[in-house]
Amino acid sequence: MSIYRLSPESDGRWASLVASHPRSSVFHTLPWLEALRKTYGHAAVVFTLCPPDRELTNGILFAEVNSWLTGVRLVSMPYSDHCDPLVSSEAELSRLLNGIGGTLGSRIRYAEVRPRSGIVGDQSYFEPQAQFLLHVIDLQPPVGDIYSLLHRDSVRRKIRRAGRENVGIVEGRSESLLREFYELLLLTRRRHRLPPQPFKWFRNLADCFGEQLTVRVARLGGRPIASMITIGHKKTLVFKYGCSDARVHNVGAVPALFWTAIRDAKQLGFLEFDLGRSELANKGLIVFKEHLGAKAEPIGYWRTRSAWPNRAEAILMSLAGRNIISHVPDRLLRWGGKVFYRHSG
């Protein structure tokens, strides 16, 4: 069976499939693709079994990460937590995976898919690459029941503390709020020994998603001390980025931010709050999400067996976690983030 390629940004059938398919996520949407293209230059492509003159009923979305340093890869999708193949059957998925894996050619190092629901079907060309946990809060129960699932000491007590400390929370998507978020992001990424994403990425996300995206900033005495970015898609609110000033964690701003987002999402009619993926080794993050009342589900990334190693990519990834990141000047830290994310994908 033939495999067809289409541009999701110019073929209107893709937006219709994303709107109707039950497994679509924010990472399938045109705003996400536009932000990727504007920030990093990644072009998007969809592989499908549907001819150009037919209704689009299936497809797997990729971005082509074209780097002179780390090679050319197809990733579904860069900087996403998950991005399901939009198919209706195991047979469709098998045909698509085999068609993609069999036609990559020597120019492309590998193709990687990041399903939320788990990959199924014939895996002749793909094999497991990494495992994570995805945490999701069910927003369907009454708000009081959701609150009762918050951990009594590490979450509910700190929410009350934030109230006593007069921690204020503001929201929007203005340039000033994005700047406050980004200054806290620099602190957090430095603390975690990771390069920060370029500010341009967050500005493009805000511009492309518009009212679907919300920046929340918690302030103490007028000073920003914690922030998060969420994006809504259909009935799911996605927590995508968070940051804070660790020196004032004791006032409870982070739990208060999450509870505000949970309560707002419930009022707006969202059915779930997607807290994103966690690495299996990051026990602290996993426990924190569980204390918010989230349930964990395993997710795995899959990569074509034909992937060949790239020394530059290995060196680039090994830089994350190095102590030097904690000490470099902000200007150099920002520059390092631009290089890292442009070539890491």
Protein backbone atom coordinates (compact mmCIF):
# COMPACT_ATOMS: atom_id res chain seq x y z
CA MET A 1 0.00 0.00 0.00
CA SER A 2 1.28 3.47 -0.90
CA ILE A 3 2.48 5.97 1.72
CA TYR A 4 1.76 9.63 0.99
CA ARG A 5 3.40 12.76 2.40
CA LEU A 6 1.65 16.05 3.04
CA SER A 7 2.42 19.41 4.60
CA PRO A 8 0.14 19.83 7.62
CA GLU A 9 0.47 23.61 7.47
CA SER A 10 -0.76 23.92 3.89
CA ASP A 11 -3.12 20.92 3.63
CA GLY A 12 -6.35 21.81 5.38
CA ARG A 13 -7.21 18.16 5.90
CA TRP A 14 -4.70 17.92 8.75
CA ALA A 15 -6.41 20.53 10.95
CA SER A 16 -9.72 18.73 10.40
CA LEU A 17 -8.22 15.38 11.46
CA VAL A 18 -6.68 16.95 14.60
CA ALA A 19 -10.04 18.51 15.49
CA SER A 20 -11.92 15.21 15.14
CA HIS A 21 -9.47 12.52 16.26
CA PRO A 22 -9.84 11.41 19.92
CA ARG A 23 -6.06 10.96 20.37
CA SER A 24 -4.98 14.35 19.10
CA SER A 25 -3.11 16.62 21.51
CA VAL A 26 -1.79 20.15 21.66
CA PHE A 27 1.42 18.82 20.05
CA HIS A 28 -0.47 17.96 16.84
CA THR A 29 -1.85 21.44 16.37
CA LEU A 30 -0.91 24.08 13.84
CA PRO A 31 0.13 26.60 16.54
CA TRP A 32 2.70 24.12 17.90
CA LEU A 33 4.04 23.50 14.38
CA GLU A 34 4.19 27.23 13.68
CA ALA A 35 6.10 27.95 16.89
CA LEU A 36 8.60 25.18 16.05
CA ARG A 37 9.13 26.56 12.56
CA LYS A 38 9.49 30.18 13.69
CA THR A 39 11.91 29.35 16.51
CA TYR A 40 14.00 26.49 15.17
CA GLY A 41 13.19 26.26 11.46
CA HIS A 42 11.79 22.71 11.75
CA ALA A 43 9.52 21.79 8.82
CA ALA A 44 6.58 19.47 9.55
CA VAL A 45 5.46 16.50 7.47
CA VAL A 46 2.65 13.96 7.80
CA PHE A 47 2.80 10.40 6.48
CA THR A 48 -0.59 8.93 5.64
CA LEU A 49 -2.29 6.08 3.81
CA CYS A 50 -4.83 8.51 2.31
CA PRO A 51 -4.34 9.78 -1.28
CA PRO A 52 -4.39 13.57 -1.83
CA ASP A 53 -7.91 13.50 -3.28
CA ARG A 54 -9.47 11.61 -0.33
CA GLU A 55 -10.58 12.56 3.16
CA LEU A 56 -7.68 12.38 5.62
CA THR A 57 -8.49 9.69 8.19
CA ASN A 58 -5.01 8.78 9.46
CA GLY A 59 -1.52 10.17 9.72
CA ILE A 60 1.70 10.31 11.71
CA LEU A 61 3.12 13.78 12.24
CA PHE A 62 6.88 14.49 12.25
CA ALA A 63 9.16 17.49 12.28
CA GLU A 64 12.38 17.26 10.33
CA VAL A 65 15.21 18.28 12.64
CA ASN A 66 17.88 19.26 10.14
CA SER A 67 21.13 19.92 11.96
CA TRP A 68 24.63 20.16 10.49
CA LEU A 69 25.92 19.14 13.94
CA THR A 70 23.71 16.20 14.94
CA GLY A 71 22.31 15.07 11.60
CA VAL A 72 18.84 14.85 10.12
CA ARG A 73 16.06 13.15 12.11
CA LEU A 74 12.29 12.82 11.95
CA VAL A 75 10.83 13.42 15.42
CA SER A 76 7.18 13.21 16.42
CA MET A 77 7.26 15.83 17.89
CA PRO A 78 10.23 17.89 19.14
CA TYR A 79 9.84 19.15 22.73
CA SER A 80 6.55 17.27 23.12
CA ASP A 81 5.77 14.90 25.98
CA HIS A 82 3.75 12.65 23.67
CA CYS A 83 2.34 12.76 20.14
CA ASP A 84 0.15 9.81 19.20
CA PRO A 85 -0.08 8.45 15.67
CA LEU A 86 -3.58 9.45 14.56
CA VAL A 87 -4.91 6.12 13.34
CA SER A 88 -8.10 4.11 13.79
CA SER A 89 -6.72 0.57 13.86
CA GLU A 90 -3.66 -1.52 14.59
CA ALA A 91 -3.51 -2.48 10.91
CA GLU A 92 -3.27 1.19 9.86
CA LEU A 93 -0.50 1.81 12.36
CA SER A 94 1.48 -1.22 11.18
CA ARG A 95 1.25 -0.16 7.54
CA LEU A 96 2.31 3.38 8.34
CA LEU A 97 5.25 2.39 10.54
CA ASN A 98 6.50 -0.12 8.00
CA GLY A 99 6.07 2.37 5.17
CA ILE A 100 7.96 5.09 7.04
CA GLY A 101 10.72 2.79 8.26
CA GLY A 102 11.24 1.30 4.83
CA THR A 103 11.58 4.61 2.99
CA LEU A 104 13.84 6.75 5.21
CA GLY A 105 16.94 6.46 3.05
CA SER A 106 20.51 7.15 4.10
CA ARG A 107 20.08 10.92 4.63
CA ILE A 108 17.89 10.54 7.71
CA ARG A 109 19.51 9.05 10.83
CA TYR A 110 16.27 7.85 12.39
CA ALA A 111 12.56 8.43 12.88
CA GLU A 112 11.19 8.66 16.42
CA VAL A 113 7.57 8.42 17.56
CA ARG A 114 6.31 9.43 21.01
CA PRO A 115 2.89 7.83 21.54
CA ARG A 116 0.85 8.34 24.68
CA SER A 117 -1.25 5.22 24.17
CA GLY A 118 1.63 2.81 23.53
CA ILE A 119 2.78 1.56 20.17
CA VAL A 120 1.09 -1.53 18.77
CA GLY A 121 1.11 -3.59 15.64
CA ASP A 122 4.00 -4.85 13.56
CA GLN A 123 7.21 -3.20 14.70
CA SER A 124 9.54 -4.38 11.94
CA TYR A 125 11.37 -1.06 11.79
CA PHE A 126 10.85 0.48 15.26
CA GLU A 127 12.14 -0.54 18.68
CA PRO A 128 11.79 0.92 22.23
CA GLN A 129 14.08 3.87 22.84
CA ALA A 130 13.10 5.40 26.22
CA GLN A 131 10.53 4.98 28.98
CA PHE A 132 8.78 7.67 31.06
CA LEU A 133 5.77 8.21 33.31
CA LEU A 134 2.99 10.57 32.29
CA HIS A 135 0.92 12.06 35.12
CA VAL A 136 -2.66 13.21 34.57
CA ILE A 137 -5.19 14.69 37.00
CA ASP A 138 -8.80 13.68 36.43
CA LEU A 139 -10.90 16.86 36.55
CA GLN A 140 -14.30 15.17 36.27
CA PRO A 141 -15.03 14.74 40.03
CA PRO A 142 -16.40 17.69 42.05
CA VAL A 143 -13.80 20.31 42.92
CA GLY A 144 -13.97 19.37 46.60
CA ASP A 145 -13.09 15.76 45.80
CA ILE A 146 -10.16 16.91 43.65
CA TYR A 147 -8.91 19.06 46.53
CA SER A 148 -9.18 16.14 48.94
CA LEU A 149 -6.73 14.16 46.78
CA LEU A 150 -4.01 16.78 47.31
CA HIS A 151 -1.41 15.65 49.81
CA ARG A 152 -2.39 17.04 53.20
CA ASP A 153 1.08 18.18 54.26
CA SER A 154 3.13 18.92 51.15
CA VAL A 155 0.33 20.53 49.12
CA ARG A 156 -2.75 21.58 51.11
CA ARG A 157 -0.77 22.94 54.05
CA LYS A 158 1.46 24.94 51.68
CA ILE A 159 -1.53 26.34 49.82
CA ARG A 160 -2.81 27.70 53.14
CA ARG A 161 0.68 29.05 53.90
CA ALA A 162 0.70 30.91 50.58
CA GLY A 163 -2.60 32.50 51.56
CA ARG A 164 -1.24 33.64 54.92
CA GLU A 165 1.87 35.07 53.23
CA ASN A 166 -0.33 37.05 50.81
CA VAL A 167 1.16 35.36 47.75
CA GLY A 168 -0.63 36.90 44.78
CA ILE A 169 -1.19 35.12 41.45
CA VAL A 170 -1.66 36.96 38.18
CA GLU A 171 -2.24 35.49 34.73
CA GLY A 172 -2.17 36.49 31.09
CA ARG A 173 0.24 36.29 28.15
CA SER A 174 1.77 39.74 28.02
CA GLU A 175 5.42 40.46 27.26
CA SER A 176 6.01 41.51 30.87
CA LEU A 177 4.60 38.26 32.27
CA LEU A 178 6.69 36.26 29.81
CA ARG A 179 9.78 38.18 30.96
CA GLU A 180 9.01 37.42 34.61
CA PHE A 181 8.50 33.78 33.73
CA TYR A 182 11.79 33.66 31.82
CA GLU A 183 13.89 35.18 34.60
CA LEU A 184 12.57 32.48 36.94
CA LEU A 185 13.22 29.87 34.24
CA LEU A 186 16.89 30.89 34.13
CA LEU A 187 17.12 30.34 37.90
CA THR A 188 15.43 26.95 37.67
CA ARG A 189 17.39 25.63 34.70
CA ARG A 190 20.63 26.73 36.32
CA ARG A 191 19.58 24.93 39.52
CA HIS A 192 18.85 21.76 37.52
CA ARG A 193 22.08 22.16 35.51
CA LEU A 194 20.22 22.39 32.22
CA PRO A 195 20.38 25.04 29.48
CA PRO A 196 17.28 27.24 29.14
CA GLN A 197 15.12 27.30 26.04
CA PRO A 198 15.49 30.59 24.12
CA PHE A 199 13.07 33.35 25.08
CA LYS A 200 11.98 33.47 21.45
CA TRP A 201 10.41 30.01 21.87
CA PHE A 202 8.06 31.18 24.62
CA ARG A 203 7.17 34.39 22.81
CA ASN A 204 6.32 32.39 19.69
CA LEU A 205 4.22 29.95 21.72
CA ALA A 206 2.25 32.85 23.21
CA ASP A 207 1.79 34.50 19.81
CA CYS A 208 0.79 31.28 18.03
CA PHE A 209 -1.58 29.88 20.67
CA GLY A 210 -3.18 33.15 21.73
CA GLU A 211 -5.89 32.64 24.35
CA GLN A 212 -5.18 28.89 24.53
CA LEU A 213 -1.95 29.69 26.40
CA THR A 214 -1.79 31.13 29.91
CA VAL A 215 1.19 32.41 31.87
CA ARG A 216 0.66 32.40 35.64
CA VAL A 217 3.05 34.23 37.95
CA ALA A 218 3.04 34.04 41.75
CA ARG A 219 4.37 37.14 43.50
CA LEU A 220 5.45 37.83 47.05
CA GLY A 221 5.53 41.50 47.93
CA GLY A 222 5.38 42.28 44.22
CA ARG A 223 8.40 40.09 43.42
CA PRO A 224 7.92 37.09 41.05
CA ILE A 225 8.77 33.85 42.86
CA ALA A 226 7.10 31.10 40.79
CA SER A 227 5.53 30.76 37.35
CA MET A 228 4.02 28.25 34.93
CA ILE A 229 2.78 28.03 31.35
CA THR A 230 -0.29 25.97 30.44
CA ILE A 231 -1.91 25.35 27.06
CA GLY A 232 -5.46 24.16 26.46
CA HIS A 233 -6.53 21.74 23.73
CA LYS A 234 -10.05 20.34 23.48
CA LYS A 235 -10.84 19.00 26.98
CA THR A 236 -7.22 18.80 28.18
CA LEU A 237 -5.16 21.46 29.91
CA VAL A 238 -1.42 20.82 29.48
CA PHE A 239 1.15 21.98 32.01
CA LYS A 240 4.19 22.57 29.81
CA TYR A 241 6.71 24.67 31.73
CA GLY A 242 7.23 25.66 35.34
CA CYS A 243 9.89 27.53 37.29
CA SER A 244 10.50 29.08 40.69
CA ASP A 245 12.88 30.80 43.06
CA ALA A 246 14.03 28.03 45.42
CA ARG A 247 14.97 30.54 48.11
CA VAL A 248 11.29 31.08 48.92
CA HIS A 249 9.84 27.63 48.32
CA ASN A 250 8.74 27.58 51.96
CA VAL A 251 5.94 30.11 51.33
CA GLY A 252 4.00 27.61 49.20
CA ALA A 253 3.81 29.51 45.91
CA VAL A 254 4.32 26.44 43.70
CA PRO A 255 1.48 24.35 45.21
CA ALA A 256 -0.72 27.47 45.15
CA LEU A 257 0.02 27.97 41.45
CA PHE A 258 -0.92 24.39 40.65
CA TRP A 259 -4.11 24.52 42.67
CA THR A 260 -5.12 27.76 40.94
CA ALA A 261 -4.53 26.13 37.53
CA ILE A 262 -6.47 23.00 38.57
CA ARG A 263 -9.41 25.02 39.89
CA ASP A 264 -9.49 27.26 36.80
CA ALA A 265 -9.31 24.24 34.48
CA LYS A 266 -12.24 22.63 36.30
CA GLN A 267 -14.31 25.82 36.01
CA LEU A 268 -13.53 26.10 32.28
CA GLY A 269 -14.79 22.57 31.62
CA PHE A 270 -11.52 20.73 31.02
CA LEU A 271 -11.70 17.02 31.81
CA GLU A 272 -8.02 16.36 32.53
CA PHE A 273 -4.87 18.21 33.51
CA ASP A 274 -1.82 16.76 31.77
CA LEU A 275 1.25 17.33 33.96
CA GLY A 276 3.68 15.98 31.38
CA ARG A 277 6.30 13.28 31.43
CA SER A 278 8.78 12.41 34.16
CA GLU A 279 11.99 10.43 33.80
CA LEU A 280 11.83 7.22 35.81
CA ALA A 281 14.92 8.21 37.78
CA ASN A 282 13.41 11.55 38.86
CA LYS A 283 11.69 10.25 41.98
CA GLY A 284 11.22 13.71 43.47
CA LEU A 285 9.23 14.97 40.48
CA ILE A 286 7.16 11.80 40.38
CA VAL A 287 6.26 12.10 44.06
CA PHE A 288 5.39 15.80 43.65
CA LYS A 289 2.95 15.03 40.83
CA GLU A 290 1.40 12.17 42.79
CA HIS A 291 0.92 14.53 45.74
CA LEU A 292 -1.12 16.74 43.40
CA GLY A 293 -3.51 13.82 42.95
CA ALA A 294 -2.26 12.78 39.53
CA LYS A 295 -2.32 9.21 38.27
CA ALA A 296 0.69 7.82 36.43
CA GLU A 297 0.64 5.98 33.15
CA PRO A 298 3.73 4.55 31.39
CA ILE A 299 4.70 5.97 28.01
CA GLY A 300 7.52 4.92 25.73
CA TYR A 301 9.33 6.44 22.77
CA TRP A 302 10.16 4.30 19.74
CA ARG A 303 12.94 4.78 17.22
CA THR A 304 13.81 3.08 13.95
CA ARG A 305 16.26 0.22 14.28
CA SER A 306 18.39 1.71 11.51
CA ALA A 307 19.44 4.64 13.72
CA TRP A 308 23.17 5.23 13.53
CA PRO A 309 25.13 6.96 16.30
CA ASN A 310 26.30 10.55 16.13
CA ARG A 311 29.22 11.55 18.34
CA ALA A 312 28.30 15.24 18.30
CA GLU A 313 24.80 14.44 19.57
CA ALA A 314 26.21 12.31 22.39
CA ILE A 315 28.59 15.11 23.43
CA LEU A 316 25.81 17.71 23.27
CA MET A 317 23.46 15.65 25.44
CA SER A 318 26.24 14.89 27.94
CA LEU A 319 26.64 18.61 28.65
CA ALA A 320 23.27 18.62 30.42
CA GLY A 321 23.71 18.03 34.12
CA ARG A 322 27.26 19.36 34.24
CA ASN A 323 28.07 21.58 37.21
CA ILE A 324 29.53 24.26 34.93
CA ILE A 325 25.99 25.25 33.93
CA SER A 326 25.43 26.45 37.49
CA HIS A 327 28.21 29.01 37.22
CA VAL A 328 28.25 30.48 33.70
CA PRO A 329 27.00 34.07 33.20
CA ASP A 330 23.39 34.56 32.09
CA ARG A 331 24.44 35.73 28.62
CA LEU A 332 26.46 32.57 28.03
CA LEU A 333 23.70 30.42 29.53
CA ARG A 334 21.15 31.87 27.09
CA TRP A 335 23.51 31.37 24.15
CA GLY A 336 24.13 27.76 25.21
CA GLY A 337 20.38 27.16 25.31
CA LYS A 338 19.94 28.42 21.75
CA VAL A 339 22.65 26.04 20.50
CA PHE A 340 21.47 23.08 22.58
CA TYR A 341 17.81 23.19 21.56
CA ARG A 342 18.47 24.02 17.92
CA HIS A 343 20.52 20.86 17.49
CA SER A 344 19.01 18.49 20.08
CA GLY A 345 15.40 18.33 18.83
